[in-house]
């Protein structure tokens, strides 16, 4: 996996898997990046990559997901699991924990109630 982007609080620090093409030195690797990342230099220090340990729970059968032609899928809410109100200094923000279609309860997301 490759470390990518700025370290913001909720931003993903690692993105998808890439194959190591070449070991340049004990601490430097060349990765096989897709064409959409062609502007990024494909040589990384070992601190920027993370070993991936295969886990069957990470594999999603493609029959469960209905992909659109542009390889996107829609997230449909099924039900609200919990409600809470977050209080800031002078604001109250109503939040809901939403269970999405074909997702487990551990993958439920918190969203602003409308």
C-alpha atoms as a PDB file:
ATOM      1  CA  UNK A   1       0.000   0.000   0.000  1.00  0.00           C
ATOM      2  CA  UNK A   2       1.157   3.504  -0.637  1.00  0.00           C
ATOM      3  CA  UNK A   3       0.985   6.439   1.743  1.00  0.00           C
ATOM      4  CA  UNK A   4      -0.608   9.326  -0.106  1.00  0.00           C
ATOM      5  CA  UNK A   5      -1.929  12.812   0.526  1.00  0.00           C
ATOM      6  CA  UNK A   6      -1.747  15.186   3.462  1.00  0.00           C
ATOM      7  CA  UNK A   7      -2.206  14.029   7.039  1.00  0.00           C
ATOM      8  CA  UNK A   8      -5.610  15.441   7.829  1.00  0.00           C
ATOM      9  CA  UNK A   9      -7.668  14.046  10.652  1.00  0.00           C
ATOM     10  CA  UNK A  10     -10.072  11.901   8.605  1.00  0.00           C
ATOM     11  CA  UNK A  11      -8.246  11.635   5.285  1.00  0.00           C
ATOM     12  CA  UNK A  12      -7.143   8.167   4.225  1.00  0.00           C
ATOM     13  CA  UNK A  13      -3.415   7.751   4.746  1.00  0.00           C
ATOM     14  CA  UNK A  14      -3.029   4.737   2.494  1.00  0.00           C
ATOM     15  CA  UNK A  15      -4.604   4.007  -0.848  1.00  0.00           C
ATOM     16  CA  UNK A  16      -4.991   0.787  -2.801  1.00  0.00           C
ATOM     17  CA  UNK A  17      -2.473  -1.961  -3.426  1.00  0.00           C
ATOM     18  CA  UNK A  18       0.289  -1.634  -5.990  1.00  0.00           C
ATOM     19  CA  UNK A  19       2.763  -4.236  -7.126  1.00  0.00           C
ATOM     20  CA  UNK A  20       6.441  -3.731  -6.374  1.00  0.00           C
ATOM     21  CA  UNK A  21       8.213  -3.842  -9.732  1.00  0.00           C
ATOM     22  CA  UNK A  22      11.798  -3.376  -8.594  1.00  0.00           C
ATOM     23  CA  UNK A  23      13.832  -3.151  -5.404  1.00  0.00           C
ATOM     24  CA  UNK A  24      16.276  -0.342  -6.107  1.00  0.00           C
ATOM     25  CA  UNK A  25      18.017  -0.493  -2.719  1.00  0.00           C
ATOM     26  CA  UNK A  26      17.153  -1.996   0.684  1.00  0.00           C
ATOM     27  CA  UNK A  27      14.980   1.034   1.452  1.00  0.00           C
ATOM     28  CA  UNK A  28      13.770   2.174  -2.002  1.00  0.00           C
ATOM     29  CA  UNK A  29      11.146   0.484  -4.195  1.00  0.00           C
ATOM     30  CA  UNK A  30       9.670   1.136  -7.645  1.00  0.00           C
ATOM     31  CA  UNK A  31       5.898   0.540  -7.831  1.00  0.00           C
ATOM     32  CA  UNK A  32       3.636  -0.233 -10.767  1.00  0.00           C
ATOM     33  CA  UNK A  33       1.257   2.754 -10.671  1.00  0.00           C
ATOM     34  CA  UNK A  34      -1.862   3.060 -12.873  1.00  0.00           C
ATOM     35  CA  UNK A  35      -2.120   5.649 -15.636  1.00  0.00           C
ATOM     36  CA  UNK A  36      -4.270   8.029 -13.530  1.00  0.00           C
ATOM     37  CA  UNK A  37      -1.256   8.466 -11.210  1.00  0.00           C
ATOM     38  CA  UNK A  38       1.254   9.024 -14.028  1.00  0.00           C
ATOM     39  CA  UNK A  39       2.193  12.466 -12.655  1.00  0.00           C
ATOM     40  CA  UNK A  40       3.536  10.852  -9.478  1.00  0.00           C
ATOM     41  CA  UNK A  41       7.109   9.575  -9.485  1.00  0.00           C
ATOM     42  CA  UNK A  42       6.914   5.810  -9.010  1.00  0.00           C
ATOM     43  CA  UNK A  43       9.926   5.361  -6.673  1.00  0.00           C
ATOM     44  CA  UNK A  44       9.175   5.350  -2.938  1.00  0.00           C
ATOM     45  CA  UNK A  45      11.076   5.043   0.320  1.00  0.00           C
ATOM     46  CA  UNK A  46      10.168   2.099   2.516  1.00  0.00           C
ATOM     47  CA  UNK A  47       8.563   4.479   5.049  1.00  0.00           C
ATOM     48  CA  UNK A  48       5.970   5.396   2.411  1.00  0.00           C
ATOM     49  CA  UNK A  49       4.797   1.828   1.764  1.00  0.00           C
ATOM     50  CA  UNK A  50       3.130  -0.673   4.042  1.00  0.00           C
ATOM     51  CA  UNK A  51       3.055  -4.443   3.792  1.00  0.00           C
ATOM     52  CA  UNK A  52      -0.353  -5.828   2.975  1.00  0.00           C
ATOM     53  CA  UNK A  53      -1.517  -8.891   4.876  1.00  0.00           C
ATOM     54  CA  UNK A  54      -4.148 -10.766   2.889  1.00  0.00           C
ATOM     55  CA  UNK A  55      -7.505 -10.977   4.649  1.00  0.00           C
ATOM     56  CA  UNK A  56     -10.659 -12.555   3.208  1.00  0.00           C
ATOM     57  CA  UNK A  57     -12.821  -9.893   4.873  1.00  0.00           C
ATOM     58  CA  UNK A  58     -11.245  -7.311   2.503  1.00  0.00           C
ATOM     59  CA  UNK A  59     -12.535  -9.162  -0.558  1.00  0.00           C
ATOM     60  CA  UNK A  60     -15.984  -8.111  -1.778  1.00  0.00           C
ATOM     61  CA  UNK A  61     -17.607 -10.409  -4.346  1.00  0.00           C
ATOM     62  CA  UNK A  62     -18.439  -8.372  -7.437  1.00  0.00           C
ATOM     63  CA  UNK A  63     -21.868 -10.016  -7.634  1.00  0.00           C
ATOM     64  CA  UNK A  64     -22.904  -8.176  -4.442  1.00  0.00           C
ATOM     65  CA  UNK A  65     -22.120  -4.754  -5.890  1.00  0.00           C
ATOM     66  CA  UNK A  66     -23.968  -3.335  -8.874  1.00  0.00           C
ATOM     67  CA  UNK A  67     -21.309  -1.337 -10.713  1.00  0.00           C
ATOM     68  CA  UNK A  68     -22.241   1.446 -13.092  1.00  0.00           C
ATOM     69  CA  UNK A  69     -20.398   1.769 -16.449  1.00  0.00           C
ATOM     70  CA  UNK A  70     -17.966   4.299 -14.918  1.00  0.00           C
ATOM     71  CA  UNK A  71     -17.117   1.691 -12.195  1.00  0.00           C
ATOM     72  CA  UNK A  72     -18.957   3.617  -9.454  1.00  0.00           C
ATOM     73  CA  UNK A  73     -21.718   2.259  -7.239  1.00  0.00           C
ATOM     74  CA  UNK A  74     -24.465   3.939  -5.274  1.00  0.00           C
ATOM     75  CA  UNK A  75     -24.625   3.783  -1.508  1.00  0.00           C
ATOM     76  CA  UNK A  76     -28.235   3.371  -0.466  1.00  0.00           C
ATOM     77  CA  UNK A  77     -29.174   4.001   3.178  1.00  0.00           C
ATOM     78  CA  UNK A  78     -31.136   1.157   4.802  1.00  0.00           C
ATOM     79  CA  UNK A  79     -31.842   2.433   8.299  1.00  0.00           C
ATOM     80  CA  UNK A  80     -30.685   4.783  11.020  1.00  0.00           C
ATOM     81  CA  UNK A  81     -28.783   3.010  13.794  1.00  0.00           C
ATOM     82  CA  UNK A  82     -28.275   5.914  16.195  1.00  0.00           C
ATOM     83  CA  UNK A  83     -28.912   9.633  16.606  1.00  0.00           C
ATOM     84  CA  UNK A  84     -26.822  12.169  18.474  1.00  0.00           C
ATOM     85  CA  UNK A  85     -26.432  15.913  18.712  1.00  0.00           C
ATOM     86  CA  UNK A  86     -22.908  17.314  18.639  1.00  0.00           C
ATOM     87  CA  UNK A  87     -22.619  20.578  20.509  1.00  0.00           C
ATOM     88  CA  UNK A  88     -20.032  23.138  19.488  1.00  0.00           C
ATOM     89  CA  UNK A  89     -19.545  26.534  21.116  1.00  0.00           C
ATOM     90  CA  UNK A  90     -22.637  28.163  19.667  1.00  0.00           C
ATOM     91  CA  UNK A  91     -23.988  25.458  17.359  1.00  0.00           C
ATOM     92  CA  UNK A  92     -25.804  22.152  17.656  1.00  0.00           C
ATOM     93  CA  UNK A  93     -25.306  19.648  14.825  1.00  0.00           C
ATOM     94  CA  UNK A  94     -27.705  16.677  14.618  1.00  0.00           C
ATOM     95  CA  UNK A  95     -25.875  13.524  13.461  1.00  0.00           C
ATOM     96  CA  UNK A  96     -27.171  10.092  12.497  1.00  0.00           C
ATOM     97  CA  UNK A  97     -25.355   6.777  12.179  1.00  0.00           C
ATOM     98  CA  UNK A  98     -26.568   5.261   8.890  1.00  0.00           C
ATOM     99  CA  UNK A  99     -26.417   1.617   7.831  1.00  0.00           C
ATOM    100  CA  UNK A 100     -25.838   1.353   4.077  1.00  0.00           C
ATOM    101  CA  UNK A 101     -27.196  -1.332   1.744  1.00  0.00           C
ATOM    102  CA  UNK A 102     -24.848  -4.367   1.523  1.00  0.00           C
ATOM    103  CA  UNK A 103     -22.567  -3.021   4.280  1.00  0.00           C
ATOM    104  CA  UNK A 104     -22.071  -4.388   7.781  1.00  0.00           C
ATOM    105  CA  UNK A 105     -22.925  -2.469  10.950  1.00  0.00           C
ATOM    106  CA  UNK A 106     -19.188  -1.928  11.592  1.00  0.00           C
ATOM    107  CA  UNK A 107     -19.068   0.075   8.335  1.00  0.00           C
ATOM    108  CA  UNK A 108     -21.948   2.385   9.296  1.00  0.00           C
ATOM    109  CA  UNK A 109     -21.214   6.065   8.703  1.00  0.00           C
ATOM    110  CA  UNK A 110     -22.077   9.193  10.650  1.00  0.00           C
ATOM    111  CA  UNK A 111     -23.771  11.895   8.604  1.00  0.00           C
ATOM    112  CA  UNK A 112     -25.477  15.221   9.219  1.00  0.00           C
ATOM    113  CA  UNK A 113     -29.224  14.815   9.669  1.00  0.00           C
ATOM    114  CA  UNK A 114     -31.223  16.822   7.153  1.00  0.00           C
END
